[in-house]
């Protein structure tokens, strides 16, 4: 079932090619980088983890960067609150870059063509709609498109629409899903960066210098496999959200409470 649903969205991606922004930053801009895995509507875990990151960074002189790896919505109960929080500024000395995930793009696609029969609804979309006060039971009395226009802030839509799809800093490449190790990093498609799975590719021949930090594919614990670091520990079921601190070439994992 999941493979069938994913094939639908892959076909849509190929039919409507998108080119989201790619960002490159200099490593000397930041004293530490914190990458956070898939949030999936779990705002309490995000706030807990962010609080620990801010406290951790107090001992580090200089600017700090928080990189969000995408999938801010679906499955968890508080998707709207997650996006609203990500629109608020961080304390002084902290910056945030939010990357696009496949669930974020699914929501945008749904907003363009809302349907009570959308496959996205079975992948956590119904929880996202509920977080905005949009309920499918009301569609006869209140058409779905009208509910969405009235209840989903345009600021949230613009936030999702403008998310970049890749961030490169020194030897680290931050994306939502991963990369195709057989293709040059500058030729990666939005589809690969947001929807691919590591097992789809042969990583044994990878000779790139970049370490890929990603989420998207749930794992029981943060995993480091060769040049890949996976931070998606299924927060909506595990109750834990993971972050990776990169400082002076050292890696440290931090968890929400």
C-alpha atoms as a PDB file:
ATOM      1  CA  UNK A   1       0.000   0.000   0.000  1.00  0.00           C
ATOM      2  CA  UNK A   2       2.725   2.468   1.002  1.00  0.00           C
ATOM      3  CA  UNK A   3       4.729   1.689  -2.153  1.00  0.00           C
ATOM      4  CA  UNK A   4       1.605   2.263  -4.253  1.00  0.00           C
ATOM      5  CA  UNK A   5       0.947   5.617  -2.572  1.00  0.00           C
ATOM      6  CA  UNK A   6       4.557   6.680  -2.962  1.00  0.00           C
ATOM      7  CA  UNK A   7       4.477   5.816  -6.663  1.00  0.00           C
ATOM      8  CA  UNK A   8       1.591   8.241  -7.085  1.00  0.00           C
ATOM      9  CA  UNK A   9       3.561  11.109  -5.598  1.00  0.00           C
ATOM     10  CA  UNK A  10       6.694  10.189  -7.558  1.00  0.00           C
ATOM     11  CA  UNK A  11       4.683  10.300 -10.780  1.00  0.00           C
ATOM     12  CA  UNK A  12       3.303  13.675  -9.758  1.00  0.00           C
ATOM     13  CA  UNK A  13       6.820  14.950  -9.083  1.00  0.00           C
ATOM     14  CA  UNK A  14       7.968  13.849 -12.517  1.00  0.00           C
ATOM     15  CA  UNK A  15       4.909  15.334 -14.187  1.00  0.00           C
ATOM     16  CA  UNK A  16       5.366  18.675 -12.408  1.00  0.00           C
ATOM     17  CA  UNK A  17       9.147  19.180 -12.093  1.00  0.00           C
ATOM     18  CA  UNK A  18      10.190  21.557  -9.321  1.00  0.00           C
ATOM     19  CA  UNK A  19      13.488  23.238  -8.703  1.00  0.00           C
ATOM     20  CA  UNK A  20      13.832  24.383  -5.117  1.00  0.00           C
ATOM     21  CA  UNK A  21      16.728  26.486  -3.928  1.00  0.00           C
ATOM     22  CA  UNK A  22      20.070  24.981  -2.933  1.00  0.00           C
ATOM     23  CA  UNK A  23      22.177  26.861  -0.366  1.00  0.00           C
ATOM     24  CA  UNK A  24      25.921  26.817   0.274  1.00  0.00           C
ATOM     25  CA  UNK A  25      27.470  28.410   3.342  1.00  0.00           C
ATOM     26  CA  UNK A  26      31.027  28.794   4.574  1.00  0.00           C
ATOM     27  CA  UNK A  27      31.893  26.634   7.578  1.00  0.00           C
ATOM     28  CA  UNK A  28      33.620  29.522   9.351  1.00  0.00           C
ATOM     29  CA  UNK A  29      30.286  31.353   9.597  1.00  0.00           C
ATOM     30  CA  UNK A  30      29.175  29.177  12.521  1.00  0.00           C
ATOM     31  CA  UNK A  31      30.816  27.941  15.703  1.00  0.00           C
ATOM     32  CA  UNK A  32      28.381  25.001  15.856  1.00  0.00           C
ATOM     33  CA  UNK A  33      25.665  23.469  13.689  1.00  0.00           C
ATOM     34  CA  UNK A  34      22.648  21.575  15.043  1.00  0.00           C
ATOM     35  CA  UNK A  35      20.663  19.422  12.609  1.00  0.00           C
ATOM     36  CA  UNK A  36      17.171  18.311  13.712  1.00  0.00           C
ATOM     37  CA  UNK A  37      15.342  15.317  12.247  1.00  0.00           C
ATOM     38  CA  UNK A  38      11.723  14.985  11.072  1.00  0.00           C
ATOM     39  CA  UNK A  39       9.315  16.768  13.455  1.00  0.00           C
ATOM     40  CA  UNK A  40       6.018  15.458  12.017  1.00  0.00           C
ATOM     41  CA  UNK A  41       3.672  17.685  13.949  1.00  0.00           C
ATOM     42  CA  UNK A  42       5.228  17.059  17.376  1.00  0.00           C
ATOM     43  CA  UNK A  43       5.625  20.604  18.645  1.00  0.00           C
ATOM     44  CA  UNK A  44       6.262  19.705  22.305  1.00  0.00           C
ATOM     45  CA  UNK A  45       9.239  17.547  21.384  1.00  0.00           C
ATOM     46  CA  UNK A  46      10.546  20.303  19.105  1.00  0.00           C
ATOM     47  CA  UNK A  47      10.294  22.903  21.861  1.00  0.00           C
ATOM     48  CA  UNK A  48      12.005  20.539  24.322  1.00  0.00           C
ATOM     49  CA  UNK A  49      14.864  19.817  21.949  1.00  0.00           C
ATOM     50  CA  UNK A  50      15.272  23.435  20.940  1.00  0.00           C
ATOM     51  CA  UNK A  51      15.476  24.440  24.603  1.00  0.00           C
ATOM     52  CA  UNK A  52      18.278  21.914  25.141  1.00  0.00           C
ATOM     53  CA  UNK A  53      20.083  23.150  22.035  1.00  0.00           C
ATOM     54  CA  UNK A  54      19.920  26.767  23.181  1.00  0.00           C
ATOM     55  CA  UNK A  55      21.263  25.763  26.604  1.00  0.00           C
ATOM     56  CA  UNK A  56      24.015  23.674  24.998  1.00  0.00           C
ATOM     57  CA  UNK A  57      25.046  26.550  22.785  1.00  0.00           C
ATOM     58  CA  UNK A  58      25.537  28.959  25.670  1.00  0.00           C
ATOM     59  CA  UNK A  59      28.961  27.473  26.280  1.00  0.00           C
ATOM     60  CA  UNK A  60      29.979  27.955  22.632  1.00  0.00           C
ATOM     61  CA  UNK A  61      31.191  31.384  21.570  1.00  0.00           C
ATOM     62  CA  UNK A  62      30.010  32.645  18.210  1.00  0.00           C
ATOM     63  CA  UNK A  63      26.994  32.188  15.929  1.00  0.00           C
ATOM     64  CA  UNK A  64      25.118  28.877  15.944  1.00  0.00           C
ATOM     65  CA  UNK A  65      22.979  27.416  13.167  1.00  0.00           C
ATOM     66  CA  UNK A  66      19.963  25.106  13.522  1.00  0.00           C
ATOM     67  CA  UNK A  67      19.164  23.086  10.387  1.00  0.00           C
ATOM     68  CA  UNK A  68      15.685  21.573  10.145  1.00  0.00           C
ATOM     69  CA  UNK A  69      15.621  18.529   7.850  1.00  0.00           C
ATOM     70  CA  UNK A  70      12.002  18.762   6.672  1.00  0.00           C
ATOM     71  CA  UNK A  71       8.667  17.004   7.271  1.00  0.00           C
ATOM     72  CA  UNK A  72       7.272  19.498   9.761  1.00  0.00           C
ATOM     73  CA  UNK A  73       3.723  18.245   9.334  1.00  0.00           C
ATOM     74  CA  UNK A  74       1.560  15.080   9.289  1.00  0.00           C
ATOM     75  CA  UNK A  75       1.179  12.166  11.725  1.00  0.00           C
ATOM     76  CA  UNK A  76       1.624  14.189  14.923  1.00  0.00           C
ATOM     77  CA  UNK A  77      -1.139  16.349  16.457  1.00  0.00           C
ATOM     78  CA  UNK A  78       0.312  19.866  16.123  1.00  0.00           C
ATOM     79  CA  UNK A  79       1.445  20.542  12.542  1.00  0.00           C
ATOM     80  CA  UNK A  80       0.077  24.098  12.467  1.00  0.00           C
ATOM     81  CA  UNK A  81       1.825  24.913  15.756  1.00  0.00           C
ATOM     82  CA  UNK A  82       5.134  23.531  14.431  1.00  0.00           C
ATOM     83  CA  UNK A  83       5.067  25.807  11.391  1.00  0.00           C
ATOM     84  CA  UNK A  84       3.982  28.782  13.496  1.00  0.00           C
ATOM     85  CA  UNK A  85       6.949  28.170  15.808  1.00  0.00           C
ATOM     86  CA  UNK A  86       9.400  27.863  12.932  1.00  0.00           C
ATOM     87  CA  UNK A  87       8.263  31.295  11.751  1.00  0.00           C
ATOM     88  CA  UNK A  88       9.350  32.866  15.051  1.00  0.00           C
ATOM     89  CA  UNK A  89      12.916  34.150  15.509  1.00  0.00           C
ATOM     90  CA  UNK A  90      15.501  32.376  17.618  1.00  0.00           C
ATOM     91  CA  UNK A  91      17.524  34.010  20.405  1.00  0.00           C
ATOM     92  CA  UNK A  92      20.515  36.155  19.555  1.00  0.00           C
ATOM     93  CA  UNK A  93      23.491  34.262  18.070  1.00  0.00           C
ATOM     94  CA  UNK A  94      21.191  31.562  16.640  1.00  0.00           C
ATOM     95  CA  UNK A  95      19.983  31.203  13.053  1.00  0.00           C
ATOM     96  CA  UNK A  96      17.703  28.629  11.464  1.00  0.00           C
ATOM     97  CA  UNK A  97      17.525  27.065   8.001  1.00  0.00           C
ATOM     98  CA  UNK A  98      14.480  24.912   7.256  1.00  0.00           C
ATOM     99  CA  UNK A  99      14.670  22.409   4.388  1.00  0.00           C
ATOM    100  CA  UNK A 100      11.796  20.908   2.405  1.00  0.00           C
ATOM    101  CA  UNK A 101      10.492  17.417   3.083  1.00  0.00           C
ATOM    102  CA  UNK A 102       8.198  15.277   0.972  1.00  0.00           C
ATOM    103  CA  UNK A 103       5.267  15.652   3.388  1.00  0.00           C
ATOM    104  CA  UNK A 104       5.609  19.431   3.181  1.00  0.00           C
ATOM    105  CA  UNK A 105       5.350  19.223  -0.603  1.00  0.00           C
ATOM    106  CA  UNK A 106       2.351  16.857  -0.381  1.00  0.00           C
ATOM    107  CA  UNK A 107       0.502  19.470   1.675  1.00  0.00           C
ATOM    108  CA  UNK A 108       1.240  22.135  -0.940  1.00  0.00           C
ATOM    109  CA  UNK A 109      -0.019  19.835  -3.682  1.00  0.00           C
ATOM    110  CA  UNK A 110      -3.185  19.169  -1.677  1.00  0.00           C
ATOM    111  CA  UNK A 111      -3.801  22.879  -1.175  1.00  0.00           C
ATOM    112  CA  UNK A 112      -3.703  23.356  -4.941  1.00  0.00           C
ATOM    113  CA  UNK A 113      -6.125  20.485  -5.602  1.00  0.00           C
ATOM    114  CA  UNK A 114      -7.978  19.661  -2.375  1.00  0.00           C
ATOM    115  CA  UNK A 115      -9.877  16.385  -2.361  1.00  0.00           C
ATOM    116  CA  UNK A 116     -11.408  14.258   0.376  1.00  0.00           C
ATOM    117  CA  UNK A 117     -10.042  11.252  -1.552  1.00  0.00           C
ATOM    118  CA  UNK A 118      -6.422  12.433  -1.627  1.00  0.00           C
ATOM    119  CA  UNK A 119      -3.913   9.655  -0.775  1.00  0.00           C
ATOM    120  CA  UNK A 120      -2.027  12.220   1.338  1.00  0.00           C
ATOM    121  CA  UNK A 121      -4.790  12.046   3.935  1.00  0.00           C
ATOM    122  CA  UNK A 122      -3.842   8.436   4.726  1.00  0.00           C
ATOM    123  CA  UNK A 123      -0.223   9.474   5.325  1.00  0.00           C
ATOM    124  CA  UNK A 124      -1.001  11.846   8.167  1.00  0.00           C
ATOM    125  CA  UNK A 125      -2.657  14.607   6.194  1.00  0.00           C
ATOM    126  CA  UNK A 126      -5.877  14.293   8.163  1.00  0.00           C
ATOM    127  CA  UNK A 127      -3.964  15.135  11.365  1.00  0.00           C
ATOM    128  CA  UNK A 128      -2.470  18.171   9.655  1.00  0.00           C
ATOM    129  CA  UNK A 129      -5.877  19.421   8.536  1.00  0.00           C
ATOM    130  CA  UNK A 130      -7.288  18.896  12.026  1.00  0.00           C
ATOM    131  CA  UNK A 131      -4.477  21.002  13.505  1.00  0.00           C
ATOM    132  CA  UNK A 132      -5.815  23.908  11.409  1.00  0.00           C
ATOM    133  CA  UNK A 133      -9.423  23.192  12.352  1.00  0.00           C
ATOM    134  CA  UNK A 134     -10.242  21.679   8.939  1.00  0.00           C
ATOM    135  CA  UNK A 135     -12.381  18.550   9.174  1.00  0.00           C
ATOM    136  CA  UNK A 136     -13.507  16.313   6.326  1.00  0.00           C
ATOM    137  CA  UNK A 137     -16.831  15.657   8.098  1.00  0.00           C
ATOM    138  CA  UNK A 138     -17.757  19.282   7.398  1.00  0.00           C
ATOM    139  CA  UNK A 139     -17.242  19.231   3.631  1.00  0.00           C
ATOM    140  CA  UNK A 140     -20.946  19.051   2.751  1.00  0.00           C
ATOM    141  CA  UNK A 141     -21.802  22.136   4.767  1.00  0.00           C
ATOM    142  CA  UNK A 142     -18.424  23.851   4.364  1.00  0.00           C
ATOM    143  CA  UNK A 143     -16.577  22.986   1.115  1.00  0.00           C
ATOM    144  CA  UNK A 144     -12.999  21.833   1.652  1.00  0.00           C
ATOM    145  CA  UNK A 145     -11.430  24.570  -0.472  1.00  0.00           C
ATOM    146  CA  UNK A 146     -13.306  27.236   1.478  1.00  0.00           C
ATOM    147  CA  UNK A 147     -12.157  25.786   4.811  1.00  0.00           C
ATOM    148  CA  UNK A 148      -8.562  25.736   3.652  1.00  0.00           C
ATOM    149  CA  UNK A 149      -8.649  29.343   2.454  1.00  0.00           C
ATOM    150  CA  UNK A 150     -10.187  30.476   5.716  1.00  0.00           C
ATOM    151  CA  UNK A 151      -8.117  28.451   8.184  1.00  0.00           C
ATOM    152  CA  UNK A 152      -4.638  27.825   6.702  1.00  0.00           C
ATOM    153  CA  UNK A 153      -2.621  31.069   7.002  1.00  0.00           C
ATOM    154  CA  UNK A 154      -1.036  32.272   3.785  1.00  0.00           C
ATOM    155  CA  UNK A 155       2.165  32.817   5.778  1.00  0.00           C
ATOM    156  CA  UNK A 156       2.307  29.049   6.410  1.00  0.00           C
ATOM    157  CA  UNK A 157       1.764  28.293   2.732  1.00  0.00           C
ATOM    158  CA  UNK A 158       4.496  30.729   1.701  1.00  0.00           C
ATOM    159  CA  UNK A 159       6.866  29.220   4.280  1.00  0.00           C
ATOM    160  CA  UNK A 160       6.424  25.727   2.795  1.00  0.00           C
ATOM    161  CA  UNK A 161       6.586  26.965  -0.781  1.00  0.00           C
ATOM    162  CA  UNK A 162       9.908  28.771  -0.315  1.00  0.00           C
ATOM    163  CA  UNK A 163      11.787  26.049   1.578  1.00  0.00           C
ATOM    164  CA  UNK A 164      15.180  25.192   0.056  1.00  0.00           C
ATOM    165  CA  UNK A 165      15.951  21.557  -0.656  1.00  0.00           C
ATOM    166  CA  UNK A 166      19.656  21.338   0.215  1.00  0.00           C
ATOM    167  CA  UNK A 167      22.218  23.026   2.428  1.00  0.00           C
ATOM    168  CA  UNK A 168      25.950  22.476   2.030  1.00  0.00           C
ATOM    169  CA  UNK A 169      28.459  23.570   4.648  1.00  0.00           C
ATOM    170  CA  UNK A 170      32.059  22.468   4.233  1.00  0.00           C
ATOM    171  CA  UNK A 171      31.993  18.647   3.956  1.00  0.00           C
ATOM    172  CA  UNK A 172      28.400  18.272   5.182  1.00  0.00           C
ATOM    173  CA  UNK A 173      25.340  18.088   2.953  1.00  0.00           C
ATOM    174  CA  UNK A 174      21.961  18.489   4.670  1.00  0.00           C
ATOM    175  CA  UNK A 175      18.873  17.188   2.856  1.00  0.00           C
ATOM    176  CA  UNK A 176      15.576  15.608   3.801  1.00  0.00           C
ATOM    177  CA  UNK A 177      15.772  12.137   2.236  1.00  0.00           C
ATOM    178  CA  UNK A 178      19.295  11.598   0.903  1.00  0.00           C
ATOM    179  CA  UNK A 179      21.219  11.810  -2.343  1.00  0.00           C
ATOM    180  CA  UNK A 180      21.946   9.599  -5.313  1.00  0.00           C
ATOM    181  CA  UNK A 181      25.620   8.621  -4.740  1.00  0.00           C
ATOM    182  CA  UNK A 182      26.121   7.964  -8.464  1.00  0.00           C
ATOM    183  CA  UNK A 183      25.245  11.540  -9.472  1.00  0.00           C
ATOM    184  CA  UNK A 184      27.196  14.766  -8.890  1.00  0.00           C
ATOM    185  CA  UNK A 185      25.854  16.708  -5.940  1.00  0.00           C
ATOM    186  CA  UNK A 186      24.969  19.667  -8.162  1.00  0.00           C
ATOM    187  CA  UNK A 187      22.796  17.438 -10.361  1.00  0.00           C
ATOM    188  CA  UNK A 188      20.577  15.941  -7.658  1.00  0.00           C
ATOM    189  CA  UNK A 189      16.868  16.298  -8.379  1.00  0.00           C
ATOM    190  CA  UNK A 190      14.267  17.580  -5.942  1.00  0.00           C
ATOM    191  CA  UNK A 191      12.609  14.165  -6.173  1.00  0.00           C
ATOM    192  CA  UNK A 192      15.728  12.327  -4.981  1.00  0.00           C
ATOM    193  CA  UNK A 193      16.481  14.857  -2.255  1.00  0.00           C
ATOM    194  CA  UNK A 194      12.971  14.682  -0.774  1.00  0.00           C
ATOM    195  CA  UNK A 195      11.591  11.186  -1.496  1.00  0.00           C
ATOM    196  CA  UNK A 196      14.419   8.669  -2.019  1.00  0.00           C
ATOM    197  CA  UNK A 197      15.447   5.873   0.346  1.00  0.00           C
ATOM    198  CA  UNK A 198      19.075   4.849   0.991  1.00  0.00           C
ATOM    199  CA  UNK A 199      18.403   1.241  -0.054  1.00  0.00           C
ATOM    200  CA  UNK A 200      17.509   2.420  -3.557  1.00  0.00           C
ATOM    201  CA  UNK A 201      21.161   3.170  -4.294  1.00  0.00           C
ATOM    202  CA  UNK A 202      24.503   1.365  -4.247  1.00  0.00           C
ATOM    203  CA  UNK A 203      26.610   3.270  -1.719  1.00  0.00           C
ATOM    204  CA  UNK A 204      29.597   0.912  -1.916  1.00  0.00           C
ATOM    205  CA  UNK A 205      31.081   2.871  -4.803  1.00  0.00           C
ATOM    206  CA  UNK A 206      30.454   6.322  -3.328  1.00  0.00           C
ATOM    207  CA  UNK A 207      33.642   8.367  -3.390  1.00  0.00           C
ATOM    208  CA  UNK A 208      32.288  11.820  -2.641  1.00  0.00           C
ATOM    209  CA  UNK A 209      33.800  13.974   0.090  1.00  0.00           C
ATOM    210  CA  UNK A 210      30.430  14.988   1.525  1.00  0.00           C
ATOM    211  CA  UNK A 211      28.802  13.489   4.604  1.00  0.00           C
ATOM    212  CA  UNK A 212      25.036  13.421   4.025  1.00  0.00           C
ATOM    213  CA  UNK A 213      22.857  14.313   7.027  1.00  0.00           C
ATOM    214  CA  UNK A 214      19.221  13.374   6.439  1.00  0.00           C
ATOM    215  CA  UNK A 215      15.958  12.038   7.831  1.00  0.00           C
ATOM    216  CA  UNK A 216      12.909  10.625   5.997  1.00  0.00           C
ATOM    217  CA  UNK A 217      13.615   6.917   6.530  1.00  0.00           C
ATOM    218  CA  UNK A 218      12.645   6.016  10.121  1.00  0.00           C
ATOM    219  CA  UNK A 219      15.235   4.176  12.220  1.00  0.00           C
ATOM    220  CA  UNK A 220      15.103   3.065  15.889  1.00  0.00           C
ATOM    221  CA  UNK A 221      18.194   5.104  16.774  1.00  0.00           C
ATOM    222  CA  UNK A 222      20.325   7.719  15.082  1.00  0.00           C
ATOM    223  CA  UNK A 223      22.486   5.806  12.614  1.00  0.00           C
ATOM    224  CA  UNK A 224      25.859   6.528  11.041  1.00  0.00           C
ATOM    225  CA  UNK A 225      26.519   4.310   8.030  1.00  0.00           C
ATOM    226  CA  UNK A 226      29.581   5.338   6.084  1.00  0.00           C
ATOM    227  CA  UNK A 227      28.964   8.817   4.671  1.00  0.00           C
ATOM    228  CA  UNK A 228      25.307   8.951   5.835  1.00  0.00           C
ATOM    229  CA  UNK A 229      23.806  10.087   9.133  1.00  0.00           C
ATOM    230  CA  UNK A 230      20.083   9.446   9.635  1.00  0.00           C
ATOM    231  CA  UNK A 231      18.241  11.506  12.284  1.00  0.00           C
ATOM    232  CA  UNK A 232      14.647  10.328  11.764  1.00  0.00           C
ATOM    233  CA  UNK A 233      13.749   8.314  14.877  1.00  0.00           C
ATOM    234  CA  UNK A 234       9.972   8.425  14.306  1.00  0.00           C
ATOM    235  CA  UNK A 235       9.176  11.056  16.929  1.00  0.00           C
ATOM    236  CA  UNK A 236       5.391  10.667  16.573  1.00  0.00           C
ATOM    237  CA  UNK A 237       5.712   7.100  17.917  1.00  0.00           C
ATOM    238  CA  UNK A 238       8.944   7.139  19.933  1.00  0.00           C
ATOM    239  CA  UNK A 239       8.281  10.460  21.653  1.00  0.00           C
ATOM    240  CA  UNK A 240      11.898  11.469  21.015  1.00  0.00           C
ATOM    241  CA  UNK A 241      13.288  13.994  18.573  1.00  0.00           C
ATOM    242  CA  UNK A 242      16.986  13.876  17.683  1.00  0.00           C
ATOM    243  CA  UNK A 243      19.531  16.540  16.847  1.00  0.00           C
ATOM    244  CA  UNK A 244      23.140  16.260  15.723  1.00  0.00           C
ATOM    245  CA  UNK A 245      25.643  18.846  16.927  1.00  0.00           C
ATOM    246  CA  UNK A 246      28.623  19.435  14.640  1.00  0.00           C
ATOM    247  CA  UNK A 247      31.420  21.375  16.307  1.00  0.00           C
ATOM    248  CA  UNK A 248      35.132  21.395  15.496  1.00  0.00           C
ATOM    249  CA  UNK A 249      34.728  18.195  13.489  1.00  0.00           C
ATOM    250  CA  UNK A 250      33.104  16.352  16.413  1.00  0.00           C
ATOM    251  CA  UNK A 251      29.590  14.893  16.318  1.00  0.00           C
ATOM    252  CA  UNK A 252      27.265  14.743  19.325  1.00  0.00           C
ATOM    253  CA  UNK A 253      23.647  13.547  19.436  1.00  0.00           C
ATOM    254  CA  UNK A 254      21.104  15.410  21.569  1.00  0.00           C
ATOM    255  CA  UNK A 255      17.571  14.151  22.303  1.00  0.00           C
ATOM    256  CA  UNK A 256      14.408  15.889  23.400  1.00  0.00           C
ATOM    257  CA  UNK A 257      13.133  15.022  26.882  1.00  0.00           C
END
